[in-house]
Amino acid sequence: MNIIVIGSGGREHAIIKKLAQSEAVDTIYALPGNGGMTEAECVDVGAKDIPAIVEFAKTHDIGFAVVAPDDPLVLGCVDALEEIGIPCFGPSAAAAQIEGSKVFSKNLMKKYGIPTAAYEVFESADDAREYIKTCDLPIVIKADGLALGKGVLICMTREEAEDGLREIMEDKVFGASGNRVVIEEFLEGPEVSVLSFTDGKVVVPMVSSMDHKRIGDNDTGLNTGGMGTVAPNPYYTADVAAECMETIFLPTINAMNAEGRTFKGCLYFGLMITKNGPKVIEYNCRFGDPETQVVLPLLETDLFEIMQAVAAGELEKVDVKFKDAHACCVILASNGYPKKYATGFPMTLPEQPKHNAEIYIAGAKVKDGVLVTGGGRVLGVTAVADTLETAVKYAYEAAADVKFEGAYMRHDIGQRALQCK
């Protein structure tokens, strides 16, 4: 079967590599993909150009589609493809609102008793400013809509909060996503990412993971899209997992069904393990990046079989299995990211990475036959081993063989997890 994967980053490359292992998959088209995705045929069609995606699917004998990024999901890409008879992995636009609107997701949790931080919603900057004058600190300010994963500000002082509010609601640094804001209490505890397969009836959590968002070692500096991940997350114990299934995962699926927004695809739970139990920080309506780059290498079951079962509402028929192992992904970024950075530098990649590591290309293009950098986060190097300590060691040894001018990485990915007692 010919399939299309919508998107162009490291997450999509990880999905494509896993799908390419399936005997049921023939040609994989990446729309638009990037220059490093040699397992797929890249097509110059933008991820948000839904009419062009639909036209391509009609003319290329496409039997299945994977819509990976948040923007096309919220814009209704799945709805448009299913309308022409192409089954998809990914939620409808109505269900994707669980990520598309922070206000929607917070109100959903409040209505159905799903544990999350206390919050207030504001449509007026003046009203929000008045609230900030007296609320407890620190606080978290979130732009309502999609903001490339960057619309969340942790404010330690009232001055920081007022500056953040001005950026989001008045300067509109995130565009219309800042028309409304959620201001919520600051939660403390270990963070855990749990991706899950769901067909709207059953939930199958994947291996848990730990992201490293800050640009600098020891979690310093600006927030990024993610500088590395490890899996599984040692803070996510069997007891915590059981509690999350009972109080968060199944209630969320049931709540979406009750709202007439049945969710089918990958539902991402961003969790905080607080002293009062696990709480939801955020939902994503798709695979996380770079969490996908450590979770999928541990998946033993055919990913395409799982995705087809999700689309058909038959997930309970698939025995989803993961390796009893550990994975570490180290991101190599362009110097200056997440602010200003240069691109176009030739990349040297090992033909066979050390320790059978995987290289997932995120921001690259081919220029005059040469693979060159083309983004802030350029690629991720993932290693799998029997212990986390070894996976971390292997990932860094494999990453050392990747060369491009201005390459930058953190050197402490996995250390927080290794210190967990």
Protein backbone atom coordinates (compact mmCIF):
# COMPACT_ATOMS: atom_id res chain seq x y z
CA MET A 1 0.00 0.00 0.00
CA ASN A 2 1.18 3.52 -0.79
CA ILE A 3 0.95 5.90 2.17
CA ILE A 4 1.58 9.57 2.87
CA VAL A 5 3.11 11.06 6.01
CA ILE A 6 2.38 14.76 6.53
CA GLY A 7 5.20 16.76 8.13
CA SER A 8 8.90 17.47 7.83
CA GLY A 9 10.69 17.07 11.18
CA GLY A 10 12.55 14.53 13.26
CA ARG A 11 9.28 13.13 14.58
CA GLU A 12 8.11 12.43 11.03
CA HIS A 13 11.44 10.83 10.15
CA ALA A 14 11.10 8.49 13.13
CA ILE A 15 7.56 7.59 12.06
CA ILE A 16 8.68 7.01 8.46
CA LYS A 17 11.60 4.79 9.47
CA LYS A 18 9.29 2.65 11.58
CA LEU A 19 6.60 2.43 8.90
CA ALA A 20 9.23 1.44 6.32
CA GLN A 21 9.81 -1.76 8.34
CA SER A 22 6.27 -2.95 7.63
CA GLU A 23 5.81 -5.51 4.86
CA ALA A 24 2.39 -4.02 4.12
CA VAL A 25 3.88 -0.64 3.16
CA ASP A 26 5.07 0.01 -0.39
CA THR A 27 5.94 3.63 -1.21
CA ILE A 28 5.99 6.26 1.52
CA TYR A 29 5.51 9.86 0.40
CA ALA A 30 6.54 12.62 2.81
CA LEU A 31 4.69 15.91 2.36
CA PRO A 32 6.87 17.94 2.42
CA GLY A 33 9.52 15.86 4.22
CA ASN A 34 13.15 16.99 4.28
CA GLY A 35 16.39 16.23 2.49
CA GLY A 36 17.45 13.57 4.98
CA MET A 37 14.38 11.34 4.67
CA THR A 38 15.85 8.79 2.26
CA GLU A 39 13.23 6.16 3.21
CA ALA A 40 10.48 8.26 1.63
CA GLU A 41 9.81 10.18 -1.56
CA CYS A 42 9.64 13.83 -0.52
CA VAL A 43 7.03 15.95 -2.26
CA ASP A 44 7.01 19.74 -2.26
CA VAL A 45 3.56 20.10 -0.72
CA GLY A 46 3.24 22.10 2.50
CA ALA A 47 1.85 20.40 5.61
CA LYS A 48 -0.89 23.04 5.88
CA ASP A 49 -1.83 23.04 2.20
CA ILE A 50 -4.80 20.74 2.64
CA PRO A 51 -6.28 21.10 -0.88
CA ALA A 52 -2.90 20.16 -2.40
CA ILE A 53 -2.54 17.21 0.01
CA VAL A 54 -5.99 15.94 -0.98
CA GLU A 55 -5.20 16.34 -4.68
CA PHE A 56 -1.91 14.46 -4.29
CA ALA A 57 -3.66 11.62 -2.46
CA LYS A 58 -6.27 11.36 -5.22
CA THR A 59 -3.67 11.07 -8.00
CA HIS A 60 -1.10 8.76 -6.36
CA ASP A 61 -3.11 5.70 -5.33
CA ILE A 62 -2.78 6.52 -1.63
CA GLY A 63 -4.32 3.94 0.69
CA PHE A 64 -3.52 5.49 4.07
CA ALA A 65 -2.38 8.80 5.57
CA VAL A 66 -0.51 9.73 8.74
CA VAL A 67 -1.05 13.35 9.72
CA ALA A 68 1.69 14.09 12.25
CA PRO A 69 1.92 17.85 13.05
CA ASP A 70 -0.57 19.86 15.10
CA ASP A 71 -1.36 22.58 12.53
CA PRO A 72 -2.83 20.36 9.77
CA LEU A 73 -4.72 18.33 12.38
CA VAL A 74 -6.36 21.43 13.84
CA LEU A 75 -7.04 22.70 10.31
CA GLY A 76 -8.97 19.52 9.44
CA CYS A 77 -6.55 17.57 7.25
CA VAL A 78 -7.87 14.23 8.53
CA ASP A 79 -11.48 15.28 7.85
CA ALA A 80 -10.59 16.29 4.28
CA LEU A 81 -8.76 13.04 3.51
CA GLU A 82 -11.42 10.84 5.07
CA GLU A 83 -14.02 12.67 3.01
CA ILE A 84 -12.40 11.24 -0.15
CA GLY A 85 -12.23 7.77 1.39
CA ILE A 86 -8.65 7.68 2.67
CA PRO A 87 -8.32 6.27 6.21
CA CYS A 88 -6.03 8.32 8.46
CA PHE A 89 -4.04 8.08 11.63
CA GLY A 90 -4.81 11.28 13.48
CA PRO A 91 -7.78 13.03 15.08
CA SER A 92 -10.50 15.08 13.41
CA ALA A 93 -10.37 18.86 13.70
CA ALA A 94 -13.01 18.69 16.43
CA ALA A 95 -10.92 16.27 18.49
CA ALA A 96 -7.65 18.12 17.78
CA GLN A 97 -9.06 21.07 19.73
CA ILE A 98 -7.71 19.30 22.81
CA GLU A 99 -4.39 20.83 21.77
CA GLY A 100 -5.64 23.59 19.49
CA SER A 101 -7.19 25.49 22.41
CA LYS A 102 -5.76 25.57 25.93
CA VAL A 103 -9.04 27.09 27.08
CA PHE A 104 -10.98 24.14 25.65
CA SER A 105 -8.68 21.55 27.25
CA LYS A 106 -8.64 23.24 30.68
CA ASN A 107 -12.43 23.61 30.67
CA LEU A 108 -12.76 19.96 29.62
CA MET A 109 -10.63 18.84 32.56
CA LYS A 110 -12.56 21.03 34.97
CA LYS A 111 -15.92 19.76 33.71
CA TYR A 112 -14.98 16.09 33.95
CA GLY A 113 -12.85 16.19 37.12
CA ILE A 114 -9.53 15.40 35.48
CA PRO A 115 -6.66 16.56 37.75
CA THR A 116 -4.86 19.67 36.49
CA ALA A 117 -3.56 23.01 37.77
CA ALA A 118 -6.07 25.60 39.01
CA TYR A 119 -6.55 28.31 36.37
CA GLU A 120 -8.35 31.40 35.11
CA VAL A 121 -9.12 32.39 31.50
CA PHE A 122 -8.79 35.97 30.23
CA GLU A 123 -9.83 37.61 26.96
CA SER A 124 -8.83 41.10 28.12
CA ALA A 125 -5.23 42.09 28.83
CA ASP A 126 -6.45 44.63 31.40
CA ASP A 127 -8.42 42.00 33.32
CA ALA A 128 -5.44 39.64 33.24
CA ARG A 129 -3.17 42.43 34.46
CA GLU A 130 -5.46 43.07 37.44
CA TYR A 131 -5.42 39.37 38.31
CA ILE A 132 -1.62 39.26 38.16
CA LYS A 133 -1.38 42.03 40.78
CA THR A 134 -2.76 39.80 43.54
CA CYS A 135 -2.35 36.14 42.49
CA ASP A 136 0.13 33.75 44.11
CA LEU A 137 3.54 33.39 42.47
CA PRO A 138 5.05 31.81 40.49
CA ILE A 139 2.41 31.51 37.77
CA VAL A 140 2.20 30.02 34.29
CA ILE A 141 0.78 32.02 31.37
CA LYS A 142 -0.32 30.09 28.26
CA ALA A 143 -1.43 31.41 24.90
CA ASP A 144 -4.74 29.77 24.04
CA GLY A 145 -3.87 28.53 20.55
CA LEU A 146 -0.98 26.77 18.83
CA ALA A 147 2.35 28.54 19.21
CA LEU A 148 4.99 26.09 17.93
CA GLY A 149 5.31 24.71 21.45
CA LYS A 150 6.57 28.07 22.72
CA GLY A 151 3.41 29.75 23.99
CA VAL A 152 3.97 28.85 27.65
CA LEU A 153 5.70 31.27 30.05
CA ILE A 154 6.73 30.45 33.62
CA CYS A 155 6.79 33.74 35.52
CA MET A 156 8.57 34.01 38.87
CA THR A 157 7.76 37.72 39.47
CA ARG A 158 4.85 40.06 38.74
CA GLU A 159 7.13 42.03 36.40
CA GLU A 160 7.85 38.89 34.38
CA ALA A 161 4.15 38.10 34.28
CA GLU A 162 3.25 41.58 33.05
CA ASP A 163 5.98 41.44 30.39
CA GLY A 164 4.79 38.01 29.26
CA LEU A 165 1.19 39.13 29.13
CA ARG A 166 2.12 42.11 26.98
CA GLU A 167 4.10 39.90 24.58
CA ILE A 168 1.25 37.42 24.16
CA MET A 169 -1.88 39.57 24.25
CA GLU A 170 -0.73 42.98 23.00
CA ASP A 171 2.46 42.46 20.95
CA LYS A 172 0.88 39.26 19.55
CA VAL A 173 4.22 37.40 19.31
CA PHE A 174 2.14 34.23 18.76
CA GLY A 175 -0.45 35.91 16.54
CA ALA A 176 -4.11 35.13 17.09
CA SER A 177 -3.13 32.33 19.50
CA GLY A 178 -2.70 35.09 22.07
CA ASN A 179 -6.24 36.50 21.81
CA ARG A 180 -7.01 34.57 25.00
CA VAL A 181 -4.72 33.37 27.76
CA VAL A 182 -4.87 30.79 30.51
CA ILE A 183 -3.17 31.80 33.75
CA GLU A 184 -2.64 28.83 36.03
CA GLU A 185 -0.93 27.80 39.23
CA PHE A 186 2.66 26.63 39.05
CA LEU A 187 2.92 22.89 39.71
CA GLU A 188 6.03 21.23 41.10
CA GLY A 189 7.38 17.72 40.63
CA PRO A 190 8.97 15.53 37.95
CA GLU A 191 7.55 15.95 34.44
CA VAL A 192 6.59 12.90 32.41
CA SER A 193 5.52 12.56 28.78
CA VAL A 194 3.21 9.67 27.92
CA LEU A 195 2.22 9.15 24.29
CA SER A 196 -0.74 6.83 23.79
CA PHE A 197 -2.49 5.05 20.97
CA THR A 198 -6.26 5.36 21.15
CA ASP A 199 -9.19 4.61 18.88
CA GLY A 200 -11.66 6.41 21.14
CA LYS A 201 -12.54 3.21 22.95
CA VAL A 202 -9.32 1.86 24.44
CA VAL A 203 -6.10 3.60 25.44
CA VAL A 204 -2.71 1.93 24.98
CA PRO A 205 0.02 4.02 26.61
CA MET A 206 3.45 3.85 25.03
CA VAL A 207 6.71 3.83 26.96
CA SER A 208 7.01 6.96 29.11
CA SER A 209 9.72 9.52 28.38
CA MET A 210 11.50 12.57 29.80
CA ASP A 211 12.07 15.66 27.65
CA HIS A 212 14.80 18.27 28.16
CA LYS A 213 13.35 21.61 27.02
CA ARG A 214 15.98 24.19 27.99
CA ILE A 215 18.79 25.04 25.59
CA GLY A 216 21.58 24.82 28.18
CA ASP A 217 23.07 22.14 30.42
CA ASN A 218 21.48 21.74 33.86
CA ASP A 219 18.19 23.04 32.43
CA THR A 220 19.37 26.61 31.94
CA GLY A 221 18.56 29.17 29.26
CA LEU A 222 15.65 29.54 26.89
CA ASN A 223 12.94 26.98 26.22
CA THR A 224 13.25 25.05 22.95
CA GLY A 225 11.25 22.45 21.09
CA GLY A 226 13.30 19.85 23.00
CA MET A 227 17.05 19.17 23.17
CA GLY A 228 16.88 15.48 23.98
CA THR A 229 14.85 12.70 25.56
CA VAL A 230 15.18 9.43 27.43
CA ALA A 231 12.77 6.53 27.82
CA PRO A 232 11.38 5.09 29.95
CA ASN A 233 11.03 7.86 32.54
CA PRO A 234 12.06 6.44 35.95
CA TYR A 235 9.60 8.70 37.80
CA TYR A 236 6.71 7.00 36.00
CA THR A 237 6.36 3.93 38.21
CA ALA A 238 3.82 1.14 37.84
CA ASP A 239 1.72 2.68 40.63
CA VAL A 240 1.77 6.11 38.96
CA ALA A 241 0.86 4.50 35.62
CA ALA A 242 -2.15 2.73 37.17
CA GLU A 243 -3.33 5.97 38.79
CA CYS A 244 -2.95 7.87 35.50
CA MET A 245 -5.01 5.29 33.64
CA GLU A 246 -7.80 5.54 36.21
CA THR A 247 -7.84 9.30 36.84
CA ILE A 248 -6.52 10.82 33.59
CA PHE A 249 -6.25 8.61 30.49
CA LEU A 250 -9.63 6.86 30.41
CA PRO A 251 -11.52 9.88 31.81
CA THR A 252 -10.05 12.03 29.02
CA ILE A 253 -11.16 9.62 26.29
CA ASN A 254 -14.60 9.33 27.88
CA ALA A 255 -14.87 13.11 28.19
CA MET A 256 -14.04 13.61 24.51
CA ASN A 257 -16.66 11.01 23.56
CA ALA A 258 -19.23 12.74 25.77
CA GLU A 259 -18.46 16.04 24.00
CA GLY A 260 -18.98 14.43 20.58
CA ARG A 261 -15.28 14.75 19.77
CA THR A 262 -14.10 11.12 19.71
CA PHE A 263 -10.30 11.10 19.61
CA LYS A 264 -8.51 8.61 17.33
CA GLY A 265 -4.74 8.76 16.87
CA CYS A 266 -1.88 9.55 19.24
CA LEU A 267 -2.92 11.47 22.34
CA TYR A 268 0.02 12.93 24.25
CA PHE A 269 -0.28 13.44 27.98
CA GLY A 270 2.14 15.95 29.48
CA LEU A 271 2.08 15.14 33.19
CA MET A 272 3.47 16.50 36.45
CA ILE A 273 3.90 14.04 39.31
CA THR A 274 3.00 16.36 42.20
CA LYS A 275 2.85 15.60 45.93
CA ASN A 276 -0.93 15.37 45.42
CA GLY A 277 -0.64 12.85 42.60
CA PRO A 278 -0.26 13.11 38.81
CA LYS A 279 -1.82 16.12 37.09
CA VAL A 280 -2.14 17.12 33.44
CA ILE A 281 0.08 19.99 32.32
CA GLU A 282 -0.99 19.78 28.70
CA TYR A 283 -2.45 17.57 26.00
CA ASN A 284 -1.05 17.26 22.49
CA CYS A 285 -3.15 15.81 19.69
CA ARG A 286 -0.17 14.01 18.08
CA PHE A 287 3.21 12.38 18.64
CA GLY A 288 5.61 14.60 20.57
CA ASP A 289 8.99 15.72 19.26
CA PRO A 290 11.59 14.56 20.33
CA GLU A 291 9.69 12.00 22.48
CA THR A 292 8.80 10.00 19.37
CA GLN A 293 12.51 9.54 18.64
CA VAL A 294 12.98 7.47 21.83
CA VAL A 295 9.58 5.78 22.03
CA LEU A 296 9.28 4.31 18.53
CA PRO A 297 12.73 2.62 18.56
CA LEU A 298 11.43 0.59 21.54
CA LEU A 299 8.22 -0.46 19.74
CA GLU A 300 8.24 -4.12 18.69
CA THR A 301 4.78 -4.33 17.11
CA ASP A 302 4.28 -3.28 13.47
CA LEU A 303 3.48 0.46 13.66
CA PHE A 304 1.43 0.36 10.45
CA GLU A 305 -0.73 -2.45 11.86
CA ILE A 306 -1.38 -0.36 14.98
CA MET A 307 -2.21 2.76 12.97
CA GLN A 308 -4.63 0.89 10.74
CA ALA A 309 -6.35 -0.61 13.81
CA VAL A 310 -6.68 2.85 15.38
CA ALA A 311 -8.26 4.23 12.21
CA ALA A 312 -10.66 1.29 12.02
CA GLY A 313 -11.63 1.48 15.72
CA GLU A 314 -10.15 -1.98 16.34
CA LEU A 315 -7.17 -1.25 18.56
CA GLU A 316 -8.23 -3.87 21.10
CA LYS A 317 -7.36 -6.54 18.50
CA VAL A 318 -3.66 -5.59 18.42
CA ASP A 319 -1.14 -6.76 21.01
CA VAL A 320 1.10 -3.69 21.31
CA LYS A 321 4.53 -4.61 22.67
CA PHE A 322 7.63 -2.62 23.57
CA LYS A 323 11.21 -3.77 24.20
CA ASP A 324 12.37 -4.06 27.79
CA ALA A 325 15.19 -1.61 27.13
CA HIS A 326 16.19 2.06 27.39
CA ALA A 327 16.63 4.77 24.76
CA CYS A 328 18.35 8.15 24.67
CA CYS A 329 18.05 10.83 21.99
CA VAL A 330 20.53 13.71 21.76
CA ILE A 331 19.50 16.67 19.58
CA LEU A 332 22.10 18.52 17.50
CA ALA A 333 21.02 22.09 16.86
CA SER A 334 22.34 25.08 14.92
CA ASN A 335 24.43 27.44 17.02
CA GLY A 336 22.21 30.32 18.18
CA TYR A 337 18.99 28.28 18.34
CA PRO A 338 16.31 28.98 19.60
CA LYS A 339 17.02 32.58 18.59
CA LYS A 340 18.99 33.57 15.47
CA TYR A 341 21.02 30.95 13.64
CA ALA A 342 22.58 30.37 10.22
CA THR A 343 21.74 27.47 7.86
CA GLY A 344 23.18 25.94 4.70
CA PHE A 345 26.19 24.20 6.25
CA PRO A 346 27.19 20.83 4.71
CA MET A 347 26.55 17.84 6.98
CA THR A 348 28.75 14.76 7.40
CA LEU A 349 26.89 11.71 8.67
CA PRO A 350 28.38 8.27 9.41
CA GLU A 351 27.35 5.58 6.94
CA GLN A 352 26.70 3.23 9.85
CA PRO A 353 26.32 5.04 13.19
CA LYS A 354 28.08 3.53 16.19
CA HIS A 355 26.11 1.12 18.38
CA ASN A 356 23.40 0.79 15.68
CA ALA A 357 22.15 4.23 16.65
CA GLU A 358 19.46 5.89 14.54
CA ILE A 359 19.82 9.36 13.07
CA TYR A 360 16.56 11.25 12.64
CA ILE A 361 16.86 14.30 10.39
CA ALA A 362 14.74 17.27 11.46
CA GLY A 363 15.99 20.38 9.65
CA ALA A 364 17.94 19.74 6.46
CA LYS A 365 17.74 20.11 2.69
CA VAL A 366 19.70 18.97 -0.32
CA LYS A 367 21.64 21.70 -2.12
CA ASP A 368 23.68 20.83 -5.23
CA GLY A 369 23.54 17.18 -4.25
CA VAL A 370 24.82 17.84 -0.71
CA LEU A 371 22.82 17.53 2.51
CA VAL A 372 22.98 20.88 4.34
CA THR A 373 21.46 22.25 7.54
CA GLY A 374 18.07 23.86 7.15
CA GLY A 375 16.67 24.51 10.60
CA GLY A 376 17.24 25.19 14.28
CA ARG A 377 17.02 21.61 15.46
CA VAL A 378 18.96 19.79 12.76
CA LEU A 379 18.81 16.13 13.81
CA GLY A 380 18.56 13.68 16.69
CA VAL A 381 20.76 10.68 17.44
CA THR A 382 19.04 7.83 19.31
CA ALA A 383 20.69 4.81 20.90
CA VAL A 384 19.00 1.82 22.56
CA ALA A 385 20.63 -0.32 25.26
CA ASP A 386 19.82 -2.58 28.21
CA THR A 387 20.45 0.21 30.73
CA LEU A 388 19.83 3.94 30.61
CA GLU A 389 23.46 4.67 31.47
CA THR A 390 24.62 2.68 28.45
CA ALA A 391 21.98 4.20 26.15
CA VAL A 392 23.16 7.70 27.12
CA LYS A 393 26.81 6.74 26.56
CA TYR A 394 26.06 5.18 23.17
CA ALA A 395 23.95 8.15 22.01
CA TYR A 396 26.74 10.62 22.74
CA GLU A 397 29.40 8.43 21.13
CA ALA A 398 27.27 8.15 17.97
CA ALA A 399 26.48 11.89 18.01
CA ALA A 400 30.20 12.71 18.08
CA ASP A 401 30.51 11.35 14.52
CA VAL A 402 27.97 13.85 13.12
CA LYS A 403 29.65 16.99 11.79
CA PHE A 404 28.40 20.37 10.60
CA GLU A 405 29.53 23.92 11.25
CA GLY A 406 28.04 25.40 14.41
CA ALA A 407 26.70 22.10 15.72
CA TYR A 408 25.47 22.46 19.30
CA MET A 409 24.19 19.91 21.80
CA ARG A 410 23.53 19.63 25.49
CA HIS A 411 25.89 17.31 27.35
CA ASP A 412 23.61 16.28 30.21
CA ILE A 413 20.73 14.51 28.50
CA GLY A 414 19.56 11.70 30.79
CA GLN A 415 21.40 12.85 33.91
CA ARG A 416 18.22 13.81 35.78
CA ALA A 417 16.80 10.37 35.06
CA LEU A 418 20.02 8.66 36.19
CA GLN A 419 19.83 10.54 39.49
CA CYS A 420 16.30 9.30 40.21
CA LYS A 421 16.26 7.16 43.36
